[in-house]
Amino acid sequence: MASGKGILLGALGGLVLRDAVVRSVRDVAGCFRAVELAGPGLRGVAFQPGDKIQVLLPSREVRTFTPLRWDGEAGVTELLVYHHAATPAGVWIRALAVGDTCRFVGPQRSLRLPAHGPVVLFGDETSCAVALALAAAMPDREFACVLESSTGAAMQTALGDRVAHATLVPREPSEAHMPELVRELQTALARSPGASLLLTGRAQAIQGVRAACKAQVLPRPADTRAYWSLGKMGLD
């Protein structure tokens, strides 16, 4: 079903949307697909790692993704999309083919990489793209991820060797894995004194981590972005 935002963006068209063409699309592992988009409208664009784009799907739904990179000179960007079930985004990404048109708004500010020091990122499958974008942006700084996961090996394959320190914690019913997530975050932060904590991914898991922050078990996060929530199709 079309969303109000999608109908509005469709009506505004070229006034707000960038047009790109799918230059390549490939299955990475499991429910992860990599997409390269190119076009003149992508040139000369200011981009910061952690920025988002909002894609207008053929169904007139709008879904948000984090580019892995953006080459403003060549007019090229790349996405790593996690898809599952019969969601609008899942239907779109599984049907996407080379030569298809993609229309989107952005890039827009979303998660911000701290200017200095080590970084520890919390998240899940939907955070793999931002993890790769941040890792590429800070090759000379310490960077670690603690990620809840239902996909295991596929998620590790998607991250590859570009994220040197990634700890995956299997997701369990009723948030039973939350104590382990907090312990792994404590370990990662202890390895990098003074590290900034960034929270992404599932809203309910973020709430659990923030509870540990309020109890001073973990430091206050430098930035937080929920990418999805139980019972909701997608978040901006």
C-alpha atoms as a PDB file:
ATOM      1  CA  MET A   1       0.000   0.000   0.000  1.00  0.00           C
ATOM      2  CA  ALA A   2       1.316   3.445  -0.927  1.00  0.00           C
ATOM      3  CA  SER A   3       2.292   5.714   1.944  1.00  0.00           C
ATOM      4  CA  GLY A   4       1.390   9.393   2.216  1.00  0.00           C
ATOM      5  CA  LYS A   5       5.066  10.285   2.007  1.00  0.00           C
ATOM      6  CA  GLY A   6       5.526   8.116  -1.071  1.00  0.00           C
ATOM      7  CA  ILE A   7       2.533   9.667  -2.838  1.00  0.00           C
ATOM      8  CA  LEU A   8       3.880  13.155  -2.079  1.00  0.00           C
ATOM      9  CA  LEU A   9       7.386  12.340  -3.330  1.00  0.00           C
ATOM     10  CA  GLY A  10       5.944  10.785  -6.463  1.00  0.00           C
ATOM     11  CA  ALA A  11       3.933  13.930  -7.136  1.00  0.00           C
ATOM     12  CA  LEU A  12       6.920  16.238  -6.575  1.00  0.00           C
ATOM     13  CA  GLY A  13       9.108  14.073  -8.808  1.00  0.00           C
ATOM     14  CA  GLY A  14      12.229  15.766 -10.111  1.00  0.00           C
ATOM     15  CA  LEU A  15      11.815  18.697  -7.737  1.00  0.00           C
ATOM     16  CA  VAL A  16      13.117  16.587  -4.846  1.00  0.00           C
ATOM     17  CA  LEU A  17      14.103  13.173  -6.244  1.00  0.00           C
ATOM     18  CA  ARG A  18      17.430  12.088  -7.703  1.00  0.00           C
ATOM     19  CA  ASP A  19      17.293   9.628 -10.582  1.00  0.00           C
ATOM     20  CA  ALA A  20      19.827   6.831 -10.845  1.00  0.00           C
ATOM     21  CA  VAL A  21      20.213   3.646 -12.842  1.00  0.00           C
ATOM     22  CA  VAL A  22      21.153   0.274 -11.372  1.00  0.00           C
ATOM     23  CA  ARG A  23      24.656  -0.425 -12.679  1.00  0.00           C
ATOM     24  CA  SER A  24      25.122  -3.705 -10.827  1.00  0.00           C
ATOM     25  CA  VAL A  25      23.264  -5.884  -8.343  1.00  0.00           C
ATOM     26  CA  ARG A  26      24.534  -9.041  -6.693  1.00  0.00           C
ATOM     27  CA  ASP A  27      23.694 -11.413  -3.881  1.00  0.00           C
ATOM     28  CA  VAL A  28      26.283 -11.134  -1.116  1.00  0.00           C
ATOM     29  CA  ALA A  29      25.069 -13.761   1.358  1.00  0.00           C
ATOM     30  CA  GLY A  30      21.684 -14.913   2.577  1.00  0.00           C
ATOM     31  CA  CYS A  31      19.344 -11.922   2.647  1.00  0.00           C
ATOM     32  CA  PHE A  32      22.017  -9.335   1.760  1.00  0.00           C
ATOM     33  CA  ARG A  33      22.200  -7.767  -1.730  1.00  0.00           C
ATOM     34  CA  ALA A  34      24.677  -5.160  -2.969  1.00  0.00           C
ATOM     35  CA  VAL A  35      23.443  -2.523  -5.421  1.00  0.00           C
ATOM     36  CA  GLU A  36      25.496   0.046  -7.328  1.00  0.00           C
ATOM     37  CA  LEU A  37      23.620   3.123  -8.554  1.00  0.00           C
ATOM     38  CA  ALA A  38      24.931   5.639 -11.075  1.00  0.00           C
ATOM     39  CA  GLY A  39      23.741   8.782 -12.828  1.00  0.00           C
ATOM     40  CA  PRO A  40      24.507  12.450 -13.520  1.00  0.00           C
ATOM     41  CA  GLY A  41      22.273  13.486 -10.612  1.00  0.00           C
ATOM     42  CA  LEU A  42      24.676  11.820  -8.183  1.00  0.00           C
ATOM     43  CA  ARG A  43      27.629  14.014  -9.157  1.00  0.00           C
ATOM     44  CA  GLY A  44      28.886  16.913  -7.061  1.00  0.00           C
ATOM     45  CA  VAL A  45      27.007  15.694  -3.991  1.00  0.00           C
ATOM     46  CA  ALA A  46      28.204  16.293  -0.417  1.00  0.00           C
ATOM     47  CA  PHE A  47      28.216  13.011   1.513  1.00  0.00           C
ATOM     48  CA  GLN A  48      29.295  12.032   5.022  1.00  0.00           C
ATOM     49  CA  PRO A  49      29.632   8.400   6.193  1.00  0.00           C
ATOM     50  CA  GLY A  50      26.435   7.515   8.064  1.00  0.00           C
ATOM     51  CA  ASP A  51      24.193   9.650   5.823  1.00  0.00           C
ATOM     52  CA  LYS A  52      20.957   8.120   4.516  1.00  0.00           C
ATOM     53  CA  ILE A  53      18.912   8.095   1.343  1.00  0.00           C
ATOM     54  CA  GLN A  54      15.153   7.563   1.151  1.00  0.00           C
ATOM     55  CA  VAL A  55      14.174   5.431  -1.837  1.00  0.00           C
ATOM     56  CA  LEU A  56      10.771   5.719  -3.494  1.00  0.00           C
ATOM     57  CA  LEU A  57       9.769   2.114  -4.201  1.00  0.00           C
ATOM     58  CA  PRO A  58       7.556   1.138  -7.151  1.00  0.00           C
ATOM     59  CA  SER A  59       4.791   0.462  -4.594  1.00  0.00           C
ATOM     60  CA  ARG A  60       5.002   4.158  -3.595  1.00  0.00           C
ATOM     61  CA  GLU A  61       6.348   3.156  -0.192  1.00  0.00           C
ATOM     62  CA  VAL A  62       9.491   4.931   1.036  1.00  0.00           C
ATOM     63  CA  ARG A  63      12.388   3.046   2.627  1.00  0.00           C
ATOM     64  CA  THR A  64      15.631   4.356   4.104  1.00  0.00           C
ATOM     65  CA  PHE A  65      19.107   2.977   3.382  1.00  0.00           C
ATOM     66  CA  THR A  66      22.683   3.912   4.301  1.00  0.00           C
ATOM     67  CA  PRO A  67      25.099   4.203   1.345  1.00  0.00           C
ATOM     68  CA  LEU A  68      28.384   2.349   1.758  1.00  0.00           C
ATOM     69  CA  ARG A  69      30.171   5.009  -0.269  1.00  0.00           C
ATOM     70  CA  TRP A  70      29.534   7.916  -2.616  1.00  0.00           C
ATOM     71  CA  ASP A  71      31.760   8.983  -5.490  1.00  0.00           C
ATOM     72  CA  GLY A  72      30.589  12.513  -6.272  1.00  0.00           C
ATOM     73  CA  GLU A  73      32.980  12.860  -9.185  1.00  0.00           C
ATOM     74  CA  ALA A  74      31.868   9.714 -10.997  1.00  0.00           C
ATOM     75  CA  GLY A  75      28.248   9.968  -9.850  1.00  0.00           C
ATOM     76  CA  VAL A  76      28.143   6.532  -8.209  1.00  0.00           C
ATOM     77  CA  THR A  77      26.907   5.217  -4.877  1.00  0.00           C
ATOM     78  CA  GLU A  78      26.569   1.722  -3.417  1.00  0.00           C
ATOM     79  CA  LEU A  79      24.037   0.139  -1.069  1.00  0.00           C
ATOM     80  CA  LEU A  80      24.036  -3.058   0.968  1.00  0.00           C
ATOM     81  CA  VAL A  81      20.394  -3.975   1.508  1.00  0.00           C
ATOM     82  CA  TYR A  82      19.178  -6.505   4.077  1.00  0.00           C
ATOM     83  CA  HIS A  83      15.859  -7.976   2.970  1.00  0.00           C
ATOM     84  CA  HIS A  84      13.569 -10.549   4.474  1.00  0.00           C
ATOM     85  CA  ALA A  85       9.947 -11.671   4.231  1.00  0.00           C
ATOM     86  CA  ALA A  86       7.389 -10.175   1.869  1.00  0.00           C
ATOM     87  CA  THR A  87       7.968  -6.559   2.853  1.00  0.00           C
ATOM     88  CA  PRO A  88       7.836  -3.740   0.268  1.00  0.00           C
ATOM     89  CA  ALA A  89      11.624  -3.339   0.471  1.00  0.00           C
ATOM     90  CA  GLY A  90      12.129  -7.092   0.191  1.00  0.00           C
ATOM     91  CA  VAL A  91       9.939  -7.345  -2.901  1.00  0.00           C
ATOM     92  CA  TRP A  92      11.767  -4.391  -4.468  1.00  0.00           C
ATOM     93  CA  ILE A  93      15.319  -5.533  -3.847  1.00  0.00           C
ATOM     94  CA  ARG A  94      14.692  -9.130  -4.944  1.00  0.00           C
ATOM     95  CA  ALA A  95      13.203  -7.940  -8.244  1.00  0.00           C
ATOM     96  CA  LEU A  96      15.835  -5.246  -8.906  1.00  0.00           C
ATOM     97  CA  ALA A  97      17.896  -5.727 -12.071  1.00  0.00           C
ATOM     98  CA  VAL A  98      20.651  -3.953 -13.980  1.00  0.00           C
ATOM     99  CA  GLY A  99      19.194  -1.064 -15.984  1.00  0.00           C
ATOM    100  CA  ASP A 100      16.297  -0.410 -13.610  1.00  0.00           C
ATOM    101  CA  THR A 101      15.665   3.153 -12.468  1.00  0.00           C
ATOM    102  CA  CYS A 102      15.923   4.088  -8.803  1.00  0.00           C
ATOM    103  CA  ARG A 103      14.556   7.378  -7.453  1.00  0.00           C
ATOM    104  CA  PHE A 104      15.462   8.717  -4.043  1.00  0.00           C
ATOM    105  CA  VAL A 105      15.862  11.716  -1.757  1.00  0.00           C
ATOM    106  CA  GLY A 106      19.250  12.458  -0.250  1.00  0.00           C
ATOM    107  CA  PRO A 107      21.826  11.989   0.931  1.00  0.00           C
ATOM    108  CA  GLN A 108      20.562  13.407   4.220  1.00  0.00           C
ATOM    109  CA  ARG A 109      22.134  13.618   7.645  1.00  0.00           C
ATOM    110  CA  SER A 110      21.547  10.591   9.862  1.00  0.00           C
ATOM    111  CA  LEU A 111      24.140   8.883  12.092  1.00  0.00           C
ATOM    112  CA  ARG A 112      27.213  11.040  12.675  1.00  0.00           C
ATOM    113  CA  LEU A 113      30.747   9.692  13.004  1.00  0.00           C
ATOM    114  CA  PRO A 114      32.549  11.386  15.911  1.00  0.00           C
ATOM    115  CA  ALA A 115      35.447  13.517  14.714  1.00  0.00           C
ATOM    116  CA  HIS A 116      38.096  11.883  16.897  1.00  0.00           C
ATOM    117  CA  GLY A 117      38.915   8.758  18.870  1.00  0.00           C
ATOM    118  CA  PRO A 118      37.772   5.117  18.826  1.00  0.00           C
ATOM    119  CA  VAL A 119      34.188   4.145  18.016  1.00  0.00           C
ATOM    120  CA  VAL A 120      32.018   1.200  19.114  1.00  0.00           C
ATOM    121  CA  LEU A 121      28.869   0.583  17.063  1.00  0.00           C
ATOM    122  CA  PHE A 122      25.841  -1.356  18.317  1.00  0.00           C
ATOM    123  CA  GLY A 123      23.249  -2.685  15.882  1.00  0.00           C
ATOM    124  CA  ASP A 124      22.017  -5.664  13.855  1.00  0.00           C
ATOM    125  CA  GLU A 125      21.618  -6.804  10.235  1.00  0.00           C
ATOM    126  CA  THR A 126      20.240  -3.404   9.248  1.00  0.00           C
ATOM    127  CA  SER A 127      23.422  -1.806  10.614  1.00  0.00           C
ATOM    128  CA  CYS A 128      25.854  -3.679   8.347  1.00  0.00           C
ATOM    129  CA  ALA A 129      25.857  -0.895   5.751  1.00  0.00           C
ATOM    130  CA  VAL A 130      26.634   1.839   8.268  1.00  0.00           C
ATOM    131  CA  ALA A 131      29.293  -0.375   9.864  1.00  0.00           C
ATOM    132  CA  LEU A 132      31.044  -0.748   6.506  1.00  0.00           C
ATOM    133  CA  ALA A 133      30.688   2.966   5.721  1.00  0.00           C
ATOM    134  CA  LEU A 134      32.178   4.017   9.065  1.00  0.00           C
ATOM    135  CA  ALA A 135      34.975   1.436   8.926  1.00  0.00           C
ATOM    136  CA  ALA A 136      36.047   2.712   5.509  1.00  0.00           C
ATOM    137  CA  ALA A 137      35.987   6.305   6.765  1.00  0.00           C
ATOM    138  CA  MET A 138      38.292   5.676   9.746  1.00  0.00           C
ATOM    139  CA  PRO A 139      41.061   3.289   8.621  1.00  0.00           C
ATOM    140  CA  ASP A 140      43.532   4.703  11.163  1.00  0.00           C
ATOM    141  CA  ARG A 141      41.169   4.723  14.149  1.00  0.00           C
ATOM    142  CA  GLU A 142      39.925   1.879  16.358  1.00  0.00           C
ATOM    143  CA  PHE A 143      36.481   0.659  15.332  1.00  0.00           C
ATOM    144  CA  ALA A 144      34.467  -2.252  16.723  1.00  0.00           C
ATOM    145  CA  CYS A 145      30.902  -3.546  16.334  1.00  0.00           C
ATOM    146  CA  VAL A 146      28.640  -5.512  18.653  1.00  0.00           C
ATOM    147  CA  LEU A 147      25.659  -6.736  16.654  1.00  0.00           C
ATOM    148  CA  GLU A 148      22.623  -8.830  17.539  1.00  0.00           C
ATOM    149  CA  SER A 149      22.016 -11.327  14.762  1.00  0.00           C
ATOM    150  CA  SER A 150      19.516 -13.852  13.447  1.00  0.00           C
ATOM    151  CA  THR A 151      21.554 -14.572  10.327  1.00  0.00           C
ATOM    152  CA  GLY A 152      24.946 -15.627  11.729  1.00  0.00           C
ATOM    153  CA  ALA A 153      27.334 -16.647   8.965  1.00  0.00           C
ATOM    154  CA  ALA A 154      25.523 -14.607   6.297  1.00  0.00           C
ATOM    155  CA  MET A 155      25.956 -11.459   8.357  1.00  0.00           C
ATOM    156  CA  GLN A 156      29.637 -12.209   8.909  1.00  0.00           C
ATOM    157  CA  THR A 157      30.075 -12.723   5.163  1.00  0.00           C
ATOM    158  CA  ALA A 158      28.361  -9.407   4.449  1.00  0.00           C
ATOM    159  CA  LEU A 159      30.782  -7.627   6.782  1.00  0.00           C
ATOM    160  CA  GLY A 160      33.754  -9.559   5.417  1.00  0.00           C
ATOM    161  CA  ASP A 161      37.210  -8.469   6.525  1.00  0.00           C
ATOM    162  CA  ARG A 162      36.399  -4.776   6.178  1.00  0.00           C
ATOM    163  CA  VAL A 163      35.247  -4.642   9.813  1.00  0.00           C
ATOM    164  CA  ALA A 164      38.159  -6.067  11.787  1.00  0.00           C
ATOM    165  CA  HIS A 165      36.396  -6.324  15.150  1.00  0.00           C
ATOM    166  CA  ALA A 166      32.790  -7.498  14.865  1.00  0.00           C
ATOM    167  CA  THR A 167      31.097  -9.519  17.611  1.00  0.00           C
ATOM    168  CA  LEU A 168      27.805 -11.208  16.697  1.00  0.00           C
ATOM    169  CA  VAL A 169      25.378 -12.137  19.493  1.00  0.00           C
ATOM    170  CA  PRO A 170      22.547 -14.523  18.516  1.00  0.00           C
ATOM    171  CA  ARG A 171      19.120 -12.926  18.972  1.00  0.00           C
ATOM    172  CA  GLU A 172      16.912 -14.800  21.448  1.00  0.00           C
ATOM    173  CA  PRO A 173      13.193 -14.592  22.301  1.00  0.00           C
ATOM    174  CA  SER A 174      12.026 -12.180  25.011  1.00  0.00           C
ATOM    175  CA  GLU A 175      15.332 -10.227  24.874  1.00  0.00           C
ATOM    176  CA  ALA A 176      17.124 -13.052  26.712  1.00  0.00           C
ATOM    177  CA  HIS A 177      20.352 -12.146  24.904  1.00  0.00           C
ATOM    178  CA  MET A 178      20.367  -8.563  26.211  1.00  0.00           C
ATOM    179  CA  PRO A 179      22.742  -9.239  29.166  1.00  0.00           C
ATOM    180  CA  GLU A 180      25.273 -10.761  26.742  1.00  0.00           C
ATOM    181  CA  LEU A 181      24.947  -7.775  24.418  1.00  0.00           C
ATOM    182  CA  VAL A 182      25.704  -5.429  27.298  1.00  0.00           C
ATOM    183  CA  ARG A 183      28.684  -7.536  28.396  1.00  0.00           C
ATOM    184  CA  GLU A 184      30.112  -7.559  24.879  1.00  0.00           C
ATOM    185  CA  LEU A 185      29.682  -3.788  24.633  1.00  0.00           C
ATOM    186  CA  GLN A 186      31.486  -3.387  27.960  1.00  0.00           C
ATOM    187  CA  THR A 187      34.341  -5.553  26.641  1.00  0.00           C
ATOM    188  CA  ALA A 188      34.604  -3.617  23.376  1.00  0.00           C
ATOM    189  CA  LEU A 189      34.589  -0.266  25.182  1.00  0.00           C
ATOM    190  CA  ALA A 190      37.197  -1.471  27.694  1.00  0.00           C
ATOM    191  CA  ARG A 191      39.533  -2.381  24.820  1.00  0.00           C
ATOM    192  CA  SER A 192      39.298   1.190  23.518  1.00  0.00           C
ATOM    193  CA  PRO A 193      39.290   3.661  26.419  1.00  0.00           C
ATOM    194  CA  GLY A 194      37.406   6.848  25.604  1.00  0.00           C
ATOM    195  CA  ALA A 195      35.538   5.278  22.685  1.00  0.00           C
ATOM    196  CA  SER A 196      32.295   6.857  21.463  1.00  0.00           C
ATOM    197  CA  LEU A 197      29.254   4.562  21.562  1.00  0.00           C
ATOM    198  CA  LEU A 198      26.831   4.655  18.604  1.00  0.00           C
ATOM    199  CA  LEU A 199      23.460   2.872  18.815  1.00  0.00           C
ATOM    200  CA  THR A 200      21.621   1.681  15.688  1.00  0.00           C
ATOM    201  CA  GLY A 201      19.261  -1.059  14.552  1.00  0.00           C
ATOM    202  CA  ARG A 202      16.147  -2.366  16.327  1.00  0.00           C
ATOM    203  CA  ALA A 203      14.357   0.153  18.533  1.00  0.00           C
ATOM    204  CA  GLN A 204      13.633  -2.369  21.298  1.00  0.00           C
ATOM    205  CA  ALA A 205      17.275  -3.474  21.522  1.00  0.00           C
ATOM    206  CA  ILE A 206      18.387   0.152  21.622  1.00  0.00           C
ATOM    207  CA  GLN A 207      16.032   0.711  24.554  1.00  0.00           C
ATOM    208  CA  GLY A 208      17.670  -2.185  26.396  1.00  0.00           C
ATOM    209  CA  VAL A 209      21.156  -0.778  25.818  1.00  0.00           C
ATOM    210  CA  ARG A 210      20.044   2.717  26.821  1.00  0.00           C
ATOM    211  CA  ALA A 211      18.761   1.272  30.104  1.00  0.00           C
ATOM    212  CA  ALA A 212      22.306   0.040  30.772  1.00  0.00           C
ATOM    213  CA  CYS A 213      23.594   3.510  29.898  1.00  0.00           C
ATOM    214  CA  LYS A 214      21.195   5.135  32.375  1.00  0.00           C
ATOM    215  CA  ALA A 215      22.372   2.682  35.030  1.00  0.00           C
ATOM    216  CA  GLN A 216      25.924   3.830  34.190  1.00  0.00           C
ATOM    217  CA  VAL A 217      26.892   0.302  33.191  1.00  0.00           C
ATOM    218  CA  LEU A 218      27.686   1.777  29.758  1.00  0.00           C
ATOM    219  CA  PRO A 219      28.637   5.334  28.786  1.00  0.00           C
ATOM    220  CA  ARG A 220      26.108   7.738  27.334  1.00  0.00           C
ATOM    221  CA  PRO A 221      25.820   7.173  23.550  1.00  0.00           C
ATOM    222  CA  ALA A 222      27.263   9.798  21.231  1.00  0.00           C
ATOM    223  CA  ASP A 223      24.457   9.233  18.704  1.00  0.00           C
ATOM    224  CA  THR A 224      21.422   6.967  18.261  1.00  0.00           C
ATOM    225  CA  ARG A 225      19.411   5.966  15.172  1.00  0.00           C
ATOM    226  CA  ALA A 226      16.685   3.296  15.252  1.00  0.00           C
ATOM    227  CA  TYR A 227      16.375   1.712  11.803  1.00  0.00           C
ATOM    228  CA  TRP A 228      13.319  -0.441  12.550  1.00  0.00           C
ATOM    229  CA  SER A 229      10.882  -1.461  15.246  1.00  0.00           C
ATOM    230  CA  LEU A 230       8.805  -4.564  15.899  1.00  0.00           C
ATOM    231  CA  GLY A 231       5.401  -4.168  14.309  1.00  0.00           C
ATOM    232  CA  LYS A 232       6.533  -1.402  11.955  1.00  0.00           C
ATOM    233  CA  MET A 233       7.640  -1.726   8.339  1.00  0.00           C
ATOM    234  CA  GLY A 234      10.416   0.865   8.458  1.00  0.00           C
ATOM    235  CA  LEU A 235      11.699   3.982  10.163  1.00  0.00           C
ATOM    236  CA  ASP A 236      13.299   7.146   8.773  1.00  0.00           C
END
